[in-house]
Amino acid sequence: MREMVVACLRADQFTFAHAASGLEAIETLSLRPFDLVVLDLNMPDIGGIEVIEFIRGQDKLRSLPILVVTTRGDEESRARALGAGASEFMTKPFTPDAILASVRSLLENRAANAG
């Protein structure tokens, strides 16, 4: 699924980095600033909920928009992700247009709130 999201973002000329695990995501977020995180709940080593909690616990990352894109469509997973601080929750199957619309909306909201 990560590759599908990457393909959607690449097609729309977004600049991004991607991580294969929760630990790699946390390390990557610590190295440079980002405008948005697209995150799966199912990741090796550190799960998506824990990554969300890490992001929300860091002063410099606290306002970073987080789009969760996952195969977990149950209400408990949705509630846990949003309760931990995810900005938006999307389940598979999804279309490239839906991903891009969510990413654009989150980025526009962030820009509006920053200025």
Protein backbone atom coordinates (compact mmCIF):
# COMPACT_ATOMS: atom_id res chain seq x y z
CA MET A 1 0.00 0.00 0.00
CA ARG A 2 2.93 2.33 0.71
CA GLU A 3 4.01 2.08 -2.92
CA MET A 4 0.49 2.93 -4.09
CA VAL A 5 0.43 6.08 -1.92
CA VAL A 6 3.93 7.03 -3.13
CA ALA A 7 2.78 6.64 -6.75
CA CYS A 8 -0.22 8.92 -6.10
CA LEU A 9 1.95 11.62 -4.55
CA ARG A 10 4.69 11.33 -7.16
CA ALA A 11 2.14 11.76 -9.96
CA ASP A 12 1.09 15.09 -8.45
CA GLN A 13 4.69 16.35 -8.11
CA PHE A 14 4.83 16.27 -4.31
CA THR A 15 8.26 16.06 -2.72
CA PHE A 16 8.35 13.42 -0.02
CA ALA A 17 10.29 10.83 1.92
CA HIS A 18 8.93 7.45 2.86
CA ALA A 19 9.70 4.97 5.60
CA ALA A 20 9.25 1.22 5.72
CA SER A 21 8.68 1.03 9.49
CA GLY A 22 7.47 3.06 12.42
CA LEU A 23 10.98 3.48 13.78
CA GLU A 24 12.23 4.68 10.40
CA ALA A 25 9.32 7.16 10.25
CA ILE A 26 10.24 8.59 13.66
CA GLU A 27 13.91 8.83 12.68
CA THR A 28 13.04 10.54 9.38
CA LEU A 29 10.75 13.04 11.11
CA SER A 30 13.60 13.90 13.48
CA LEU A 31 16.01 14.74 10.64
CA ARG A 32 14.15 17.48 8.77
CA PRO A 33 10.84 19.34 8.69
CA PHE A 34 7.80 18.00 6.85
CA ASP A 35 4.45 19.54 5.96
CA LEU A 36 2.37 16.38 6.31
CA VAL A 37 2.57 12.73 7.35
CA VAL A 38 0.75 9.93 5.52
CA LEU A 39 0.78 6.96 7.84
CA ASP A 40 -0.41 3.35 7.91
CA LEU A 41 -1.46 1.75 11.17
CA ASN A 42 0.14 -1.57 10.20
CA MET A 43 3.91 -1.14 10.37
CA PRO A 44 6.77 -3.28 11.60
CA ASP A 45 8.40 -2.54 14.97
CA ILE A 46 6.45 0.57 16.05
CA GLY A 47 2.78 0.73 15.02
CA GLY A 48 0.99 3.70 13.53
CA ILE A 49 -0.82 4.66 16.75
CA GLU A 50 2.52 4.89 18.54
CA VAL A 51 3.96 7.02 15.74
CA ILE A 52 0.96 9.38 16.00
CA GLU A 53 1.47 9.60 19.77
CA PHE A 54 5.18 10.33 19.25
CA ILE A 55 4.38 13.13 16.77
CA ARG A 56 1.76 14.70 19.03
CA GLY A 57 4.19 14.53 21.97
CA GLN A 58 6.88 16.60 20.22
CA ASP A 59 6.58 20.39 20.38
CA LYS A 60 8.04 20.92 16.90
CA LEU A 61 5.80 18.25 15.31
CA ARG A 62 2.60 18.70 17.32
CA SER A 63 0.73 20.66 14.60
CA LEU A 64 1.84 18.40 11.74
CA PRO A 65 -1.20 17.07 9.83
CA ILE A 66 -1.44 13.27 9.85
CA LEU A 67 -3.41 11.36 7.23
CA VAL A 68 -3.90 7.71 8.18
CA VAL A 69 -4.33 5.43 5.16
CA THR A 70 -4.91 1.83 6.19
CA THR A 71 -6.62 -1.46 5.45
CA ARG A 72 -8.15 -1.41 8.94
CA GLY A 73 -11.71 -0.26 8.38
CA ASP A 74 -13.12 -1.08 11.80
CA GLU A 75 -14.52 1.68 14.00
CA GLU A 76 -12.14 0.87 16.87
CA SER A 77 -9.06 1.50 14.68
CA ARG A 78 -10.59 4.72 13.37
CA ALA A 79 -11.43 5.92 16.88
CA ARG A 80 -7.98 5.02 18.22
CA ALA A 81 -6.18 6.83 15.38
CA LEU A 82 -8.30 9.96 15.60
CA GLY A 83 -8.16 9.88 19.39
CA ALA A 84 -4.36 9.68 19.29
CA GLY A 85 -4.27 12.77 17.08
CA ALA A 86 -4.65 11.76 13.42
CA SER A 87 -6.08 14.58 11.34
CA GLU A 88 -7.90 12.33 8.89
CA PHE A 89 -8.57 8.60 8.46
CA MET A 90 -8.94 6.82 5.11
CA THR A 91 -9.44 3.13 4.46
CA LYS A 92 -8.54 0.96 1.53
CA PRO A 93 -9.78 0.71 -1.14
CA PHE A 94 -9.21 4.33 -2.07
CA THR A 95 -8.63 6.17 -5.29
CA PRO A 96 -5.61 8.32 -6.16
CA ASP A 97 -7.99 11.28 -6.39
CA ALA A 98 -9.21 10.68 -2.83
CA ILE A 99 -5.64 10.58 -1.46
CA LEU A 100 -4.67 13.72 -3.35
CA ALA A 101 -7.82 15.56 -2.25
CA SER A 102 -7.11 14.72 1.40
CA VAL A 103 -3.45 15.72 1.13
CA ARG A 104 -4.30 19.02 -0.57
CA SER A 105 -7.03 19.79 1.98
CA LEU A 106 -4.75 19.09 4.94
CA LEU A 107 -1.96 21.21 3.44
CA GLU A 108 -4.36 24.07 2.70
CA ASN A 109 -5.73 23.94 6.26
CA ARG A 110 -2.21 23.98 7.67
CA ALA A 111 -1.26 26.98 5.53
CA ALA A 112 -4.44 28.83 6.54
CA ASN A 113 -3.78 28.18 10.24
CA ALA A 114 -0.13 29.25 9.95
CA GLY A 115 -0.86 32.61 8.44
